[in-house]
Amino acid sequence: MLLGYTCVTVIFQHKVTISNYPDLALWFINQKTKKMSKLKNKVAVITGGNSGIGFGIAEAFKNEGAVGAIAGRNEATLNSAVETLGSNFIGVKGDVTDLDHLEHLFRTTADKFGKIDALVVNAGGVVDGVPLMAITDVTEEGYDRYMDLNLKSAYFTVQRSLPYLNDGASIILIASNNAHRASPGTTIYAAAKAAVISLARGLSLDLLSRNIRVNTISPGSIDTPVIGKMVPHELVDQVKQIFIGLTPLGRQGTPAEIGKTAVFLASDDSTFIVGTDILADGGMANTFSVK
C-alpha cells in the first residue's frame, strides 16, 4: 500500500522527488535492472557484428547484460566496435566462409567466457566485387560466391558452433525479406536467404534433443552502409528513397530495431518459438513484386 500511495503522491505533487520515498526509488531501480537483464550473464556470438545490423544486435545484447564476441573481416571496424561495446565483448577477426576461422571464433569465445547461449548468424549480404544482377549476366563464380557467403557459411557456422553451445541455446539466422518478395537482379541472393529460412526449420528438428531453438529474422530496408555496396555512391540517397517508398511505414528500419528483435529471440521471452521467421521490414513484404 505504501508504494501505491507514494506513486500517487509523486504524480499529483510535482515538486516531490523520488528520493523522498525510498520504496518508490527501490521500485524504479528494480524496474531499470529488469529492463537491462534479459540476457544477463549469457554468452553470445554475433558474426558480422562489427557494423550495420550485426553491430546493432551486439549493442542490444550488451545493453541487456550479455557478454561474448563479435566477428568480422575488417580489423578497423572490428576494433572500433569493440571499443564502443566495452570490455564485455571481444572482437575476433575472420572470414565466415573459412571453416578454420569459424572453429577459431567459437574456441576463442568459449575459452574466455564459457559455453555459448546465443549465436547470431548475421554475416552475409552483397558479395564484394560481385554486384546483384540479372540471370543473363550471372557467372558460375558469382553464383558460388553468393551461395557460399549467404547459405553455406550459415550452415557451417551453426555446425561448427555446436560443440561450444549450451543445451537450451538460441540460434538466430539473419535472412531477408527478399526471401518473401521478388525484385530485379536479386534472384540468387533471395534464393539463398529463402534457403536460410528453410534451414532454420530443419535445424530446429535436428537440435530438439538439446533443446536448442533456431529461428530467423528477415529484415527489410535497414539504414546501414550496405546500399553503398550495391550502387555507386552518387545513387545511394536515390536508392534509399526508393526503398522508403516501398515500405508502408514510410521509412527505413534501424539496426537497433533488429537488435531488439534478436534480444527477444535470444531471451527467455521466446522459449516456445521454434523454426519461425520474424519479418522486420516495416510491411514491405506486403507489397508485390517490383518491376
Protein backbone atom coordinates (compact mmCIF):
# COMPACT_ATOMS: atom_id res chain seq x y z
CA MET A 1 0.00 0.00 0.00
CA LEU A 2 2.86 2.37 0.77
CA LEU A 3 4.20 2.01 -2.79
CA GLY A 4 0.81 2.77 -4.31
CA TYR A 5 0.42 5.80 -2.05
CA THR A 6 3.83 7.22 -2.88
CA CYS A 7 3.19 6.74 -6.63
CA VAL A 8 0.00 8.79 -6.34
CA THR A 9 1.79 11.42 -4.27
CA VAL A 10 4.53 11.85 -6.89
CA ILE A 11 2.01 12.08 -9.70
CA PHE A 12 -0.09 14.79 -8.05
CA GLN A 13 2.60 16.75 -6.24
CA HIS A 14 5.14 17.57 -8.90
CA LYS A 15 7.67 19.07 -6.50
CA VAL A 16 8.05 15.80 -4.58
CA THR A 17 11.15 13.86 -5.61
CA ILE A 18 11.51 10.10 -5.75
CA SER A 19 14.41 10.29 -3.30
CA ASN A 20 11.93 11.30 -0.59
CA TYR A 21 10.26 7.93 -0.96
CA PRO A 22 12.73 5.05 -0.65
CA ASP A 23 10.10 2.42 -1.52
CA LEU A 24 9.40 4.12 -4.83
CA ALA A 25 13.08 4.69 -5.55
CA LEU A 26 13.79 1.00 -4.97
CA TRP A 27 10.91 0.06 -7.26
CA PHE A 28 12.27 2.23 -10.07
CA ILE A 29 15.75 0.77 -9.63
CA ASN A 30 14.35 -2.75 -9.79
CA GLN A 31 12.40 -1.93 -12.95
CA LYS A 32 15.50 -0.47 -14.62
CA THR A 33 17.50 -3.57 -13.67
CA LYS A 34 14.82 -5.85 -15.09
CA LYS A 35 14.79 -3.92 -18.34
CA MET A 36 18.55 -4.36 -18.73
CA SER A 37 18.87 -8.01 -17.78
CA LYS A 38 17.03 -10.13 -20.33
CA LEU A 39 20.41 -11.61 -21.34
CA LYS A 40 22.28 -11.15 -18.08
CA ASN A 41 25.40 -13.36 -17.96
CA LYS A 42 24.50 -15.03 -21.26
CA VAL A 43 27.37 -15.62 -23.67
CA ALA A 44 26.71 -14.52 -27.25
CA VAL A 45 28.48 -14.68 -30.60
CA ILE A 46 27.44 -12.35 -33.43
CA THR A 47 29.03 -12.85 -36.84
CA GLY A 48 29.32 -9.67 -38.87
CA GLY A 49 28.94 -7.83 -35.57
CA ASN A 50 31.38 -5.08 -36.47
CA SER A 51 28.91 -2.92 -38.42
CA GLY A 52 25.35 -2.45 -39.59
CA ILE A 53 22.69 -4.86 -38.39
CA GLY A 54 25.25 -7.06 -36.63
CA PHE A 55 26.56 -4.17 -34.56
CA GLY A 56 23.01 -3.11 -33.74
CA ILE A 57 22.37 -6.60 -32.41
CA ALA A 58 25.63 -6.61 -30.44
CA GLU A 59 24.74 -3.28 -28.82
CA ALA A 60 21.27 -4.53 -27.91
CA PHE A 61 22.75 -7.69 -26.40
CA LYS A 62 25.28 -5.67 -24.41
CA ASN A 63 22.53 -3.41 -23.09
CA GLU A 64 20.67 -6.47 -21.85
CA GLY A 65 23.66 -7.82 -19.95
CA ALA A 66 25.22 -10.26 -22.43
CA VAL A 67 28.93 -10.88 -22.88
CA GLY A 68 30.76 -12.54 -25.76
CA ALA A 69 32.32 -11.99 -29.15
CA ILE A 70 31.68 -10.24 -32.42
CA ALA A 71 33.33 -11.45 -35.60
CA GLY A 72 34.21 -9.59 -38.77
CA ARG A 73 36.74 -9.35 -41.58
CA ASN A 74 37.56 -5.64 -41.32
CA GLU A 75 40.01 -5.14 -38.47
CA ALA A 76 39.46 -1.38 -38.24
CA THR A 77 35.68 -1.57 -37.86
CA LEU A 78 36.05 -4.60 -35.58
CA ASN A 79 38.33 -2.68 -33.21
CA SER A 80 36.05 0.35 -33.29
CA ALA A 81 33.00 -1.78 -32.50
CA VAL A 82 34.73 -3.49 -29.58
CA GLU A 83 35.82 -0.12 -28.19
CA THR A 84 32.20 1.03 -28.25
CA LEU A 85 30.82 -2.19 -26.77
CA GLY A 86 33.29 -2.20 -23.89
CA SER A 87 35.16 -4.87 -22.00
CA ASN A 88 32.38 -7.46 -22.01
CA PHE A 89 32.87 -8.12 -25.74
CA ILE A 90 35.89 -9.20 -27.73
CA GLY A 91 36.49 -8.98 -31.46
CA VAL A 92 37.62 -12.00 -33.46
CA LYS A 93 38.83 -11.32 -36.98
CA GLY A 94 37.88 -13.95 -39.51
CA ASP A 95 36.03 -14.97 -42.66
CA VAL A 96 32.84 -16.98 -42.13
CA THR A 97 33.40 -18.82 -45.41
CA ASP A 98 36.56 -20.35 -43.92
CA LEU A 99 35.76 -23.27 -41.59
CA ASP A 100 39.05 -22.95 -39.73
CA HIS A 101 38.20 -19.33 -38.93
CA LEU A 102 34.81 -20.43 -37.58
CA GLU A 103 36.45 -23.01 -35.34
CA HIS A 104 38.82 -20.33 -34.05
CA LEU A 105 35.92 -17.96 -33.33
CA PHE A 106 34.00 -20.41 -31.19
CA ARG A 107 37.01 -21.83 -29.40
CA THR A 108 38.29 -18.33 -28.55
CA THR A 109 34.87 -17.27 -27.23
CA ALA A 110 34.38 -20.39 -25.13
CA ASP A 111 37.91 -20.19 -23.70
CA LYS A 112 37.26 -16.67 -22.43
CA PHE A 113 33.58 -16.72 -21.47
CA GLY A 114 32.48 -20.35 -21.29
CA LYS A 115 29.89 -22.13 -23.39
CA ILE A 116 27.68 -20.07 -25.68
CA ASP A 117 23.99 -19.29 -25.03
CA ALA A 118 23.13 -17.26 -28.14
CA LEU A 119 24.50 -17.41 -31.67
CA VAL A 120 23.52 -14.79 -34.24
CA VAL A 121 24.48 -15.82 -37.78
CA ASN A 122 24.42 -12.39 -39.34
CA ALA A 123 27.39 -12.27 -41.74
CA GLY A 124 26.22 -12.28 -45.34
CA GLY A 125 24.69 -9.95 -47.88
CA VAL A 126 26.10 -8.45 -51.06
CA VAL A 127 29.38 -10.03 -52.14
CA ASP A 128 32.26 -7.57 -52.51
CA GLY A 129 33.05 -7.05 -56.18
CA VAL A 130 30.03 -9.05 -57.39
CA PRO A 131 27.01 -6.76 -57.78
CA LEU A 132 23.46 -8.07 -57.89
CA MET A 133 22.50 -8.74 -61.50
CA ALA A 134 20.03 -10.42 -63.82
CA ILE A 135 20.36 -14.12 -64.67
CA THR A 136 21.73 -13.30 -68.13
CA ASP A 137 24.78 -11.68 -66.50
CA VAL A 138 25.49 -14.06 -63.63
CA THR A 139 28.63 -16.19 -63.83
CA GLU A 140 29.14 -19.54 -62.15
CA GLU A 141 31.78 -17.96 -59.92
CA GLY A 142 29.41 -15.18 -58.91
CA TYR A 143 26.67 -17.71 -58.14
CA ASP A 144 29.01 -19.78 -55.98
CA ARG A 145 30.28 -16.77 -54.05
CA TYR A 146 26.74 -15.63 -53.19
CA MET A 147 25.75 -19.10 -52.05
CA ASP A 148 29.00 -19.55 -50.11
CA LEU A 149 28.53 -16.31 -48.20
CA ASN A 150 24.79 -16.39 -47.63
CA LEU A 151 23.91 -20.09 -47.30
CA LYS A 152 26.91 -22.38 -46.97
CA SER A 153 28.56 -20.20 -44.35
CA ALA A 154 25.33 -20.07 -42.32
CA TYR A 155 25.09 -23.85 -42.32
CA PHE A 156 28.69 -24.41 -41.26
CA THR A 157 28.63 -21.58 -38.72
CA VAL A 158 25.89 -23.48 -36.93
CA GLN A 159 27.63 -26.83 -37.37
CA ARG A 160 30.98 -25.61 -36.03
CA SER A 161 29.30 -23.88 -33.08
CA LEU A 162 27.55 -26.98 -31.76
CA PRO A 163 30.34 -28.35 -29.51
CA TYR A 164 30.55 -24.92 -27.88
CA LEU A 165 26.81 -24.27 -27.37
CA ASN A 166 24.97 -24.85 -24.14
CA ASP A 167 21.90 -27.07 -24.28
CA GLY A 168 18.92 -24.74 -24.49
CA ALA A 169 20.85 -22.17 -26.54
CA SER A 170 19.19 -19.90 -29.09
CA ILE A 171 20.42 -19.71 -32.69
CA ILE A 172 19.25 -16.76 -34.78
CA LEU A 173 19.86 -16.73 -38.51
CA ILE A 174 19.57 -13.40 -40.30
CA ALA A 175 17.64 -13.89 -43.52
CA SER A 176 16.00 -11.13 -45.59
CA ASN A 177 12.59 -10.01 -46.72
CA ASN A 178 13.96 -10.67 -50.22
CA ALA A 179 13.08 -14.28 -49.46
CA HIS A 180 9.42 -13.22 -49.33
CA ARG A 181 9.22 -10.99 -52.39
CA ALA A 182 10.66 -10.58 -55.87
CA SER A 183 12.79 -7.74 -57.18
CA PRO A 184 15.02 -7.44 -60.25
CA GLY A 185 18.54 -8.81 -60.06
CA THR A 186 18.24 -10.32 -56.58
CA THR A 187 17.33 -13.89 -57.57
CA ILE A 188 20.45 -15.62 -56.21
CA TYR A 189 20.55 -13.58 -53.02
CA ALA A 190 16.82 -14.08 -52.43
CA ALA A 191 17.08 -17.82 -53.08
CA ALA A 192 19.96 -18.12 -50.61
CA LYS A 193 18.02 -16.26 -47.93
CA ALA A 194 14.89 -18.35 -48.57
CA ALA A 195 17.09 -21.41 -48.06
CA VAL A 196 18.31 -19.92 -44.75
CA ILE A 197 14.70 -19.76 -43.53
CA SER A 198 14.19 -23.38 -44.54
CA LEU A 199 17.48 -24.24 -42.87
CA ALA A 200 16.24 -22.87 -39.56
CA ARG A 201 13.17 -25.09 -39.68
CA GLY A 202 15.19 -28.21 -40.41
CA LEU A 203 17.92 -27.45 -37.88
CA SER A 204 15.27 -26.90 -35.22
CA LEU A 205 14.25 -30.54 -35.61
CA ASP A 206 17.86 -31.75 -35.71
CA LEU A 207 18.63 -29.97 -32.44
CA LEU A 208 15.46 -30.69 -30.47
CA SER A 209 17.23 -33.28 -28.33
CA ARG A 210 19.43 -30.49 -26.96
CA ASN A 211 16.54 -28.02 -26.65
CA ILE A 212 18.36 -25.62 -28.98
CA ARG A 213 15.95 -23.29 -30.74
CA VAL A 214 16.66 -22.00 -34.24
CA ASN A 215 14.75 -19.04 -35.67
CA THR A 216 15.26 -16.40 -38.34
CA ILE A 217 14.80 -12.66 -38.68
CA SER A 218 14.05 -11.24 -42.14
CA PRO A 219 14.93 -7.53 -42.15
CA GLY A 220 13.72 -5.19 -44.83
CA SER A 221 15.48 -1.97 -45.79
CA ILE A 222 17.67 -1.05 -42.82
CA ASP A 223 19.71 2.15 -42.64
CA THR A 224 23.23 0.73 -42.92
CA PRO A 225 26.18 1.26 -45.29
CA VAL A 226 25.22 -1.82 -47.33
CA ILE A 227 23.48 0.20 -50.06
CA GLY A 228 26.87 1.69 -50.88
CA LYS A 229 27.98 -1.80 -51.90
CA MET A 230 25.03 -2.16 -54.24
CA VAL A 231 25.10 1.08 -56.20
CA PRO A 232 27.54 3.94 -56.97
CA HIS A 233 27.94 6.45 -54.14
CA GLU A 234 26.10 9.19 -56.01
CA LEU A 235 22.97 6.98 -56.24
CA VAL A 236 22.80 5.92 -52.59
CA ASP A 237 20.31 8.59 -51.48
CA GLN A 238 18.12 7.95 -54.51
CA VAL A 239 18.03 4.21 -53.84
CA LYS A 240 17.23 4.83 -50.17
CA GLN A 241 14.23 6.89 -51.22
CA ILE A 242 13.06 4.05 -53.46
CA PHE A 243 13.22 1.62 -50.54
CA ILE A 244 11.40 4.10 -48.31
CA GLY A 245 8.69 4.39 -50.96
CA LEU A 246 8.30 0.60 -51.00
CA THR A 247 7.93 0.43 -47.22
CA PRO A 248 4.39 1.01 -45.90
CA LEU A 249 5.75 2.62 -42.71
CA GLY A 250 7.44 5.21 -44.93
CA ARG A 251 10.96 4.90 -43.52
CA GLN A 252 13.95 2.62 -43.26
CA GLY A 253 14.42 0.49 -40.19
CA THR A 254 17.35 0.85 -37.83
CA PRO A 255 19.93 -1.69 -36.66
CA ALA A 256 18.68 -1.07 -33.12
CA GLU A 257 15.21 -2.27 -34.10
CA ILE A 258 16.62 -5.52 -35.44
CA GLY A 259 18.69 -5.71 -32.25
CA LYS A 260 15.56 -5.64 -30.12
CA THR A 261 14.04 -8.41 -32.22
CA ALA A 262 17.17 -10.52 -31.75
CA VAL A 263 17.11 -9.92 -27.99
CA PHE A 264 13.58 -11.30 -27.92
CA LEU A 265 14.61 -14.47 -29.74
CA ALA A 266 17.73 -14.91 -27.59
CA SER A 267 15.90 -14.41 -24.31
CA ASP A 268 13.54 -16.49 -22.23
CA ASP A 269 10.66 -14.42 -23.63
CA SER A 270 10.65 -16.65 -26.74
CA THR A 271 11.15 -20.14 -25.30
CA PHE A 272 8.10 -21.52 -27.15
CA ILE A 273 9.16 -20.15 -30.56
CA VAL A 274 10.98 -22.64 -32.78
CA GLY A 275 11.70 -22.63 -36.52
CA THR A 276 9.92 -19.31 -37.01
CA ASP A 277 10.77 -16.38 -39.26
CA ILE A 278 10.09 -12.86 -37.98
CA LEU A 279 9.62 -10.28 -40.73
CA ALA A 280 11.03 -6.97 -39.53
CA ASP A 281 10.57 -4.92 -42.66
CA GLY A 282 8.03 -2.18 -41.98
CA GLY A 283 5.45 -4.07 -44.05
CA MET A 284 7.49 -4.12 -47.27
CA ALA A 285 6.85 -7.80 -47.95
CA ASN A 286 3.13 -6.99 -48.07
CA THR A 287 3.79 -5.31 -51.42
CA PHE A 288 4.03 -7.34 -54.60
CA SER A 289 6.96 -7.80 -56.97
CA VAL A 290 8.85 -4.72 -58.10
CA LYS A 291 9.02 -4.13 -61.86
